[in-house]
Protein backbone atom coordinates (compact mmCIF):
# COMPACT_ATOMS: atom_id res chain seq x y z
CA MET A 1 68.14 135.31 108.70
CA MET A 2 66.62 133.76 105.78
CA SER A 3 63.54 132.06 108.00
CA SER A 4 62.86 135.44 109.00
CA MET A 5 63.55 137.90 106.67
CA GLY A 6 63.11 135.69 103.68
CA LEU A 7 59.16 135.47 105.08
CA MET A 8 58.98 138.90 105.34
CA ASN A 9 60.35 139.21 101.58
CA THR A 10 57.62 136.53 100.97
CA ILE A 11 54.51 138.03 102.10
CA ALA A 12 53.29 139.33 98.70
CA ILE A 13 52.74 135.78 97.69
CA PHE A 14 50.42 134.84 100.73
CA GLU A 15 48.51 138.08 99.90
CA ALA A 16 47.91 137.44 96.15
CA TYR A 17 46.75 133.88 97.01
CA THR A 18 44.55 134.29 99.86
CA LEU A 19 42.73 137.26 98.14
CA ASN A 20 41.95 134.81 95.50
CA HIS A 21 41.19 131.58 97.69
CA GLN A 22 40.46 131.59 101.44
CA LEU A 23 39.80 135.29 101.78
CA LYS A 24 37.95 136.04 98.70
CA GLY A 25 35.44 138.81 98.93
CA HIS A 26 37.61 140.49 101.39
CA SER A 27 39.37 143.96 100.27
CA GLU A 28 42.94 144.49 99.71
CA SER A 29 43.26 146.88 102.95
CA THR A 30 41.35 144.12 104.75
CA VAL A 31 43.58 141.11 104.17
CA GLY A 32 46.47 143.54 104.22
CA TRP A 33 46.09 143.89 107.98
CA ILE A 34 47.48 140.32 108.14
CA PHE A 35 51.12 141.48 106.98
CA SER A 36 50.62 144.51 108.65
CA VAL A 37 50.61 143.05 112.28
CA TYR A 38 53.38 140.59 111.19
CA THR A 39 55.75 143.60 110.26
CA PHE A 40 54.67 145.59 113.19
CA LEU A 41 55.52 142.80 115.62
CA ALA A 42 58.83 141.61 113.82
CA PHE A 43 60.07 145.26 114.42
CA PHE A 44 58.28 146.42 117.50
CA CYS A 45 59.08 143.75 119.90
CA GLY A 46 62.92 144.44 118.94
CA VAL A 47 62.58 147.54 121.61
CA TYR A 48 62.57 144.50 124.28
CA VAL A 49 64.63 141.93 122.34
CA GLY A 50 67.45 144.30 121.75
CA PRO A 51 68.06 144.91 125.26
CA VAL A 52 68.18 141.60 126.70
CA PHE A 53 70.46 140.84 123.80
CA ASP A 54 72.91 143.61 124.87
CA LYS A 55 72.56 141.95 128.71
CA TYR A 56 72.40 137.96 128.12
CA GLY A 57 73.45 137.50 124.34
CA PRO A 58 71.37 135.58 121.34
CA ARG A 59 71.10 132.35 122.26
CA TRP A 60 67.76 131.74 123.87
CA LEU A 61 66.20 134.71 121.67
CA VAL A 62 66.91 132.57 118.80
CA VAL A 63 65.63 129.43 120.37
CA ALA A 64 62.34 131.06 121.23
CA GLY A 65 62.30 132.91 117.58
CA CYS A 66 62.93 129.58 115.81
CA THR A 67 60.03 127.92 117.80
CA SER A 68 57.58 130.48 117.45
CA THR A 69 58.07 130.96 113.69
CA VAL A 70 57.89 127.61 112.81
CA ALA A 71 54.75 127.26 114.95
CA GLY A 72 53.13 130.33 113.22
CA VAL A 73 53.54 129.17 109.84
CA VAL A 74 52.23 125.74 110.80
CA ALA A 75 49.42 127.06 112.05
CA MET A 76 48.94 129.10 109.22
CA SER A 77 48.61 126.23 106.79
CA PHE A 78 45.21 125.40 108.67
CA CYS A 79 43.63 128.63 108.17
CA GLN A 80 40.51 129.53 106.60
CA GLU A 81 39.14 132.85 108.25
CA LEU A 82 40.75 136.49 108.58
CA TRP A 83 41.04 136.04 112.05
CA GLN A 84 43.09 132.77 112.15
CA PHE A 85 45.59 134.41 109.63
CA ILE A 86 46.04 137.30 111.71
CA LEU A 87 46.66 135.16 115.02
CA SER A 88 48.72 132.83 113.33
CA PHE A 89 50.71 134.48 111.19
CA GLY A 90 50.18 138.05 111.83
CA VAL A 91 50.77 137.60 115.72
CA LEU A 92 52.65 134.11 116.17
CA THR A 93 55.04 134.52 113.44
CA GLY A 94 55.63 138.28 113.77
CA PHE A 95 56.87 137.58 117.38
CA GLY A 96 59.17 134.91 116.27
CA THR A 97 60.56 136.99 113.46
CA SER A 98 61.28 139.60 116.11
CA LEU A 99 63.42 137.24 118.28
CA LEU A 100 65.17 135.70 115.32
CA PHE A 101 66.50 138.60 113.03
CA THR A 102 67.11 141.22 115.75
CA PRO A 103 69.83 139.21 117.52
CA CYS A 104 71.21 138.06 114.49
CA ILE A 105 71.60 141.41 112.69
CA ALA A 106 73.08 142.95 116.40
CA ALA A 107 75.69 139.74 116.60
CA VAL A 108 76.85 140.99 113.30
CA GLY A 109 77.68 144.06 114.78
CA HIS A 110 79.35 142.66 117.47
CA TRP A 111 81.86 140.69 115.29
CA PHE A 112 82.95 143.79 112.79
CA ARG A 113 83.89 147.45 113.12
CA ARG A 114 85.51 148.80 110.16
CA ARG A 115 83.91 146.21 107.54
CA ARG A 116 80.77 146.46 109.33
CA GLY A 117 78.42 147.72 106.18
CA PHE A 118 80.05 144.56 104.41
CA ALA A 119 79.61 142.17 106.99
CA THR A 120 75.61 143.48 107.50
CA GLY A 121 75.34 143.30 103.88
CA MET A 122 76.47 139.88 103.34
CA ALA A 123 74.17 138.70 106.50
CA ALA A 124 70.82 140.38 104.91
CA THR A 125 71.30 138.55 101.41
CA ALA A 126 69.80 135.62 103.80
CA GLY A 127 66.68 137.68 103.46
CA GLY A 128 66.92 138.16 99.61
CA ILE A 129 67.65 134.71 99.17
CA GLY A 130 64.74 133.43 101.14
CA GLY A 131 62.57 135.95 99.02
CA ILE A 132 63.90 134.06 95.78
CA VAL A 133 63.60 130.65 97.08
CA PHE A 134 60.20 130.66 99.16
CA PRO A 135 58.00 132.37 96.57
CA LEU A 136 59.18 129.52 93.57
CA MET A 137 58.91 127.06 96.11
CA LEU A 138 55.39 128.05 97.09
CA THR A 139 54.18 128.92 93.49
CA ALA A 140 55.29 125.22 92.19
CA LEU A 141 53.67 123.53 95.42
CA PHE A 142 50.49 125.27 95.60
CA ASP A 143 49.34 123.61 92.27
CA ARG A 144 51.13 120.03 93.34
CA VAL A 145 50.40 119.51 96.63
CA GLY A 146 48.10 122.47 97.88
CA TYR A 147 48.26 125.58 99.97
CA GLY A 148 48.11 123.34 103.18
CA TRP A 149 51.57 121.34 102.61
CA ALA A 150 53.27 123.62 100.37
CA THR A 151 53.04 126.21 103.69
CA ARG A 152 54.18 123.24 105.94
CA VAL A 153 57.27 122.45 103.76
CA LEU A 154 58.07 126.00 104.04
CA ALA A 155 58.05 125.52 107.89
CA LEU A 156 60.05 122.87 107.65
CA VAL A 157 62.52 124.69 105.98
CA CYS A 158 62.08 127.85 108.42
CA LEU A 159 62.99 125.18 111.17
CA VAL A 160 66.16 123.85 109.44
CA CYS A 161 67.60 127.35 109.07
CA GLY A 162 66.75 128.24 112.61
CA LEU A 163 68.37 125.21 114.01
CA MET A 164 71.61 126.77 111.94
CA GLY A 165 71.13 129.85 113.58
CA ILE A 166 70.81 128.63 117.02
CA LEU A 167 74.10 126.69 116.62
CA LEU A 168 76.22 129.64 114.94
CA VAL A 169 74.84 132.99 116.44
CA ARG A 170 77.32 134.34 118.90
CA ALA A 171 77.90 137.34 120.84
CA ARG A 172 81.49 138.72 120.89
CA LEU A 173 81.30 141.02 123.59
CA PRO A 174 80.66 141.05 127.28
CA PRO A 175 77.45 143.03 128.39
CA ALA A 176 77.84 146.66 128.44
CA GLN A 177 78.24 147.75 132.11
CA ASP A 178 75.22 149.89 131.98
CA ALA A 179 72.80 146.91 130.22
CA THR A 180 69.58 146.52 131.03
CA ALA A 181 66.41 144.28 129.78
CA ARG A 182 64.62 147.17 129.77
CA PRO A 183 64.21 149.69 126.74
CA ASP A 184 65.77 153.26 127.31
CA LEU A 185 64.09 156.10 125.23
CA ARG A 186 66.02 158.81 126.50
CA ILE A 187 68.52 157.98 123.48
CA PHE A 188 65.98 160.07 121.58
CA ARG A 189 67.72 162.98 123.09
CA GLN A 190 70.27 163.00 120.51
CA VAL A 191 68.85 164.41 117.49
CA PRO A 192 70.77 162.78 114.77
CA PHE A 193 69.65 159.78 115.89
CA THR A 194 65.90 160.87 116.16
CA LEU A 195 66.23 162.16 112.28
CA THR A 196 68.00 158.98 111.50
CA THR A 197 65.05 157.30 112.87
CA ILE A 198 62.30 158.94 111.03
CA GLY A 199 64.45 158.83 107.93
CA ILE A 200 64.33 154.85 108.39
CA PHE A 201 60.59 154.91 109.34
CA LEU A 202 59.97 156.71 105.88
CA LEU A 203 62.08 154.43 104.16
CA GLU A 204 60.20 151.31 105.43
CA TYR A 205 57.07 152.83 104.96
CA SER A 206 57.49 153.01 101.60
CA LEU A 207 59.65 149.67 101.03
CA PHE A 208 56.56 147.60 102.36
CA ILE A 209 54.33 148.98 99.48
CA PRO A 210 55.76 147.52 96.33
CA LEU A 211 56.74 144.28 98.36
CA ALA A 212 53.41 143.65 99.32
CA TYR A 213 51.12 144.85 96.74
CA ILE A 214 53.70 143.94 93.41
CA SER A 215 51.86 140.80 92.76
CA THR A 216 48.27 141.76 93.19
CA TYR A 217 49.64 145.07 91.06
CA ALA A 218 50.38 142.95 87.80
CA LEU A 219 46.89 140.91 88.50
CA HIS A 220 45.32 143.76 88.26
CA GLN A 221 47.09 144.87 84.94
CA GLY A 222 46.15 141.32 83.45
CA PHE A 223 49.30 139.50 83.30
CA SER A 224 48.89 135.57 84.37
CA GLN A 225 49.29 134.46 88.06
CA ALA A 226 52.40 132.94 87.23
CA PHE A 227 54.07 135.69 85.83
CA ALA A 228 52.74 137.81 88.68
CA PHE A 229 53.99 135.41 91.36
CA ASN A 230 57.20 135.30 89.71
CA LEU A 231 58.01 139.14 89.86
CA LEU A 232 58.43 138.80 93.62
CA PRO A 233 61.58 136.63 93.43
CA ILE A 234 63.00 138.79 90.44
CA MET A 235 62.73 141.52 92.93
CA ASN A 236 64.48 139.68 95.32
CA ALA A 237 67.21 138.79 93.17
CA GLY A 238 68.06 142.20 92.64
CA SER A 239 67.67 142.65 96.35
CA VAL A 240 70.71 140.19 97.02
CA VAL A 241 73.21 142.26 94.60
CA GLY A 242 71.97 145.51 96.46
CA ARG A 243 72.65 144.02 99.89
CA ALA A 244 75.97 142.84 99.19
CA LEU A 245 77.84 144.98 96.68
CA PRO A 246 77.15 148.48 97.95
CA CYS A 247 77.41 147.31 101.26
CA TYR A 248 81.13 146.71 100.45
CA TYR A 249 81.71 150.13 98.91
CA SER A 250 79.74 151.35 101.91
CA ASP A 251 82.74 151.43 104.37
CA VAL A 252 84.61 153.53 101.75
CA VAL A 253 82.17 156.25 100.98
CA GLY A 254 79.99 155.95 104.28
CA PRO A 255 76.68 154.12 105.27
CA PHE A 256 74.78 157.36 105.07
CA ASN A 257 75.97 158.56 101.71
CA THR A 258 75.13 154.62 100.39
CA CYS A 259 71.69 155.01 102.00
CA LEU A 260 71.22 158.36 100.50
CA VAL A 261 72.07 157.15 96.86
CA SER A 262 69.53 153.61 97.29
CA VAL A 263 66.80 155.87 98.40
CA LEU A 264 67.15 158.21 95.64
CA LEU A 265 67.31 155.17 93.40
CA SER A 266 64.12 153.80 94.88
CA LEU A 267 62.53 156.73 94.11
CA VAL A 268 63.42 156.76 90.54
CA ALA A 269 62.14 152.96 90.09
CA CYS A 270 58.92 154.21 91.56
CA LEU A 271 58.09 157.21 89.42
CA CYS A 272 60.36 156.97 86.45
CA VAL A 273 59.92 153.22 85.59
CA TRP A 274 56.65 151.72 87.75
CA LEU A 275 54.39 154.91 87.26
CA PRO A 276 54.76 155.29 83.58
CA LEU A 277 55.65 151.68 82.15
CA GLY A 278 54.41 149.27 84.91
CA HIS A 279 51.47 148.18 82.49
CA THR A 280 53.99 146.46 80.15
CA ALA A 281 55.70 143.42 81.16
CA ALA A 282 59.26 144.66 79.97
CA GLY A 283 58.60 147.68 82.49
CA ILE A 284 57.29 145.88 85.55
CA VAL A 285 60.38 143.43 85.29
CA VAL A 286 62.95 146.68 85.05
CA PHE A 287 60.93 147.86 87.91
CA SER A 288 61.19 144.76 90.18
CA VAL A 289 65.16 144.46 89.30
CA LEU A 290 65.95 148.17 90.08
CA PHE A 291 63.71 148.77 92.98
CA GLY A 292 64.90 145.35 94.46
CA ALA A 293 68.37 146.39 94.00
CA ALA A 294 67.99 149.59 95.71
CA SER A 295 65.73 148.76 98.47
CA GLY A 296 68.04 145.67 99.23
CA THR A 297 70.88 148.18 100.00
CA SER A 298 68.42 150.47 101.94
CA ILE A 299 67.47 147.38 104.14
CA ALA A 300 71.19 146.40 104.65
CA ILE A 301 72.82 149.69 105.31
CA ALA A 302 70.19 150.98 107.28
CA PRO A 303 71.18 149.27 110.58
CA VAL A 304 74.81 150.23 109.87
CA CYS A 305 73.70 153.89 109.95
CA ILE A 306 72.03 153.51 113.28
CA GLY A 307 75.43 151.80 114.46
CA ARG A 308 77.27 155.28 113.67
CA MET A 309 75.35 156.81 116.72
CA CYS A 310 76.59 154.52 119.53
CA LYS A 311 78.95 152.47 121.07
CA THR A 312 79.35 149.10 119.53
CA GLN A 313 77.88 147.48 123.10
CA ASN A 314 74.84 149.48 122.78
CA TYR A 315 74.21 148.72 119.39
CA GLY A 316 71.40 146.26 120.34
CA ARG A 317 69.34 148.62 121.92
CA TYR A 318 69.85 151.49 119.59
CA TYR A 319 68.92 149.45 116.76
CA ALA A 320 65.92 147.89 118.73
CA THR A 321 64.95 151.48 119.69
CA THR A 322 64.52 152.45 115.94
CA TYR A 323 63.09 149.69 114.60
CA THR A 324 60.10 149.77 117.21
CA VAL A 325 59.56 153.34 115.62
CA VAL A 326 59.75 152.00 112.70
CA SER A 327 57.21 148.74 113.13
CA PHE A 328 54.42 151.37 113.20
CA ALA A 329 54.99 152.49 109.76
CA CYS A 330 54.84 148.28 109.01
CA LEU A 331 51.54 148.56 110.81
CA ILE A 332 50.23 151.38 108.68
CA GLY A 333 51.80 151.22 105.47
CA ILE A 334 50.03 147.95 103.75
CA PRO A 335 46.49 148.88 104.74
CA ILE A 336 46.66 152.53 103.96
CA GLY A 337 48.07 151.59 100.51
CA GLY A 338 45.49 148.89 100.42
CA ALA A 339 42.74 151.82 101.12
CA ILE A 340 44.31 154.21 98.41
CA VAL A 341 44.10 151.56 96.01
CA GLN A 342 40.52 151.08 96.77
CA ALA A 343 39.43 154.88 97.00
CA SER A 344 40.92 155.14 93.46
CA GLY A 345 38.64 152.55 92.38
CA GLY A 346 41.26 149.89 91.86
CA SER A 347 44.15 152.11 90.33
CA TYR A 348 47.32 152.17 91.61
CA THR A 349 48.65 155.31 90.31
CA GLY A 350 47.91 157.28 93.32
CA LEU A 351 49.90 154.56 95.51
CA ILE A 352 52.98 154.90 93.44
CA ILE A 353 52.76 158.65 93.44
CA CYS A 354 52.19 158.36 97.29
CA THR A 355 55.15 155.61 97.71
CA GLY A 356 57.58 158.33 95.64
CA CYS A 357 56.85 161.01 97.92
CA ILE A 358 57.45 159.53 101.22
CA TYR A 359 60.96 158.36 99.98
CA VAL A 360 61.58 162.19 99.25
CA GLY A 361 60.87 162.54 102.77
CA SER A 362 63.16 159.71 103.89
CA ALA A 363 66.01 161.20 101.68
CA ALA A 364 65.59 164.75 103.81
CA CYS A 365 65.87 163.01 106.93
CA LEU A 366 68.76 161.07 106.40
CA LEU A 367 70.73 163.95 104.75
CA MET A 368 69.68 166.44 107.82
CA ALA A 369 70.78 163.51 110.28
CA LYS A 370 74.04 163.32 108.74
CA VAL A 371 74.18 167.40 108.78
CA TRP A 372 73.48 167.61 112.09
CA HIS A 373 76.13 165.04 112.96
CA LEU A 374 78.92 166.39 111.12
CA GLY A 375 77.85 169.81 110.34
CA TRP A 376 77.18 171.95 107.03
CA LYS A 377 81.20 171.85 106.19
CA ASN A 378 81.33 168.05 105.95
CA TRP A 379 77.95 166.93 104.60
CA LEU A 380 79.52 165.26 101.96
CA ALA A 381 81.97 163.52 103.73
CA ALA A 382 82.16 159.69 104.00
CA HIS A 383 79.94 158.68 106.67
């Protein structure tokens, strides 16, 4: 999880660095395609990875994911052109990330039922920890050994984490009797599941905008490169707390209720902190902590919401199908965000307002999914 979701939480560092070095002269929306392709494939490939997990288990998926991720990061250390970054990090590392984190999340669902929210949250903290360690490590190494060797050291860390995953990740349950290695889109006939998928789609669309642009936003506001790069580990530190503690209580109050609260807190962070106070050092730090905690809860608890829609033995398929749809949000979100900034003459105001509005849509869809599943009389029930 650390070598997959940790990388995903580090994309702002690579975007800010490449914009000012190898890809200087390219627009933010153009460079954003590197990371949108990466996040797209990380989720899109799950439509096949999930059913394969249900049928065969996680072992060889994690082996292939570790190999692909490490190879992609090493290849990226030699890149100088846009197309090279897209192929190495976007395609190869994105594919490897999907092979790593999809079976890891699904395996947690096999081992826990009553405390699934807390267990998933604790597993997801690995992404937040990676999002703290990787940016700090890269920031220190860029100046000391240069971009190439800093990225290769990152690949080595990913290799070690991947090898641990190969040894430790296991499935508990035998394959479901109706398990197939092919995706099954018939599950979208279930209206609550479809609404949940749309809600998570909008949630992830909004989530990756601050993750991708927080460092470039800080540079635009005139803060130093060191301060701008350190905002990402601050955000991910908040994310670690958000993935662990609220998920513990989600098993009591319900994953949907927990996710709705986290979405509303993300909305408050964007429109009440980032928008009016982001130009100040204190404001942007407070935003990073608050948004990190709220979004961390969303990331960790969304898979548990999906688990409420299916039997445990079919969880891999449902999870993968949802995040295949979500992958298209990741594909278009970062480039559209860059295009909004470019169309606004470099101002981030429109982007921040757009992010907040999308969070409103996400909350509405998740609430409708819960109401459809339980009925209006039970809309406040723990679920």
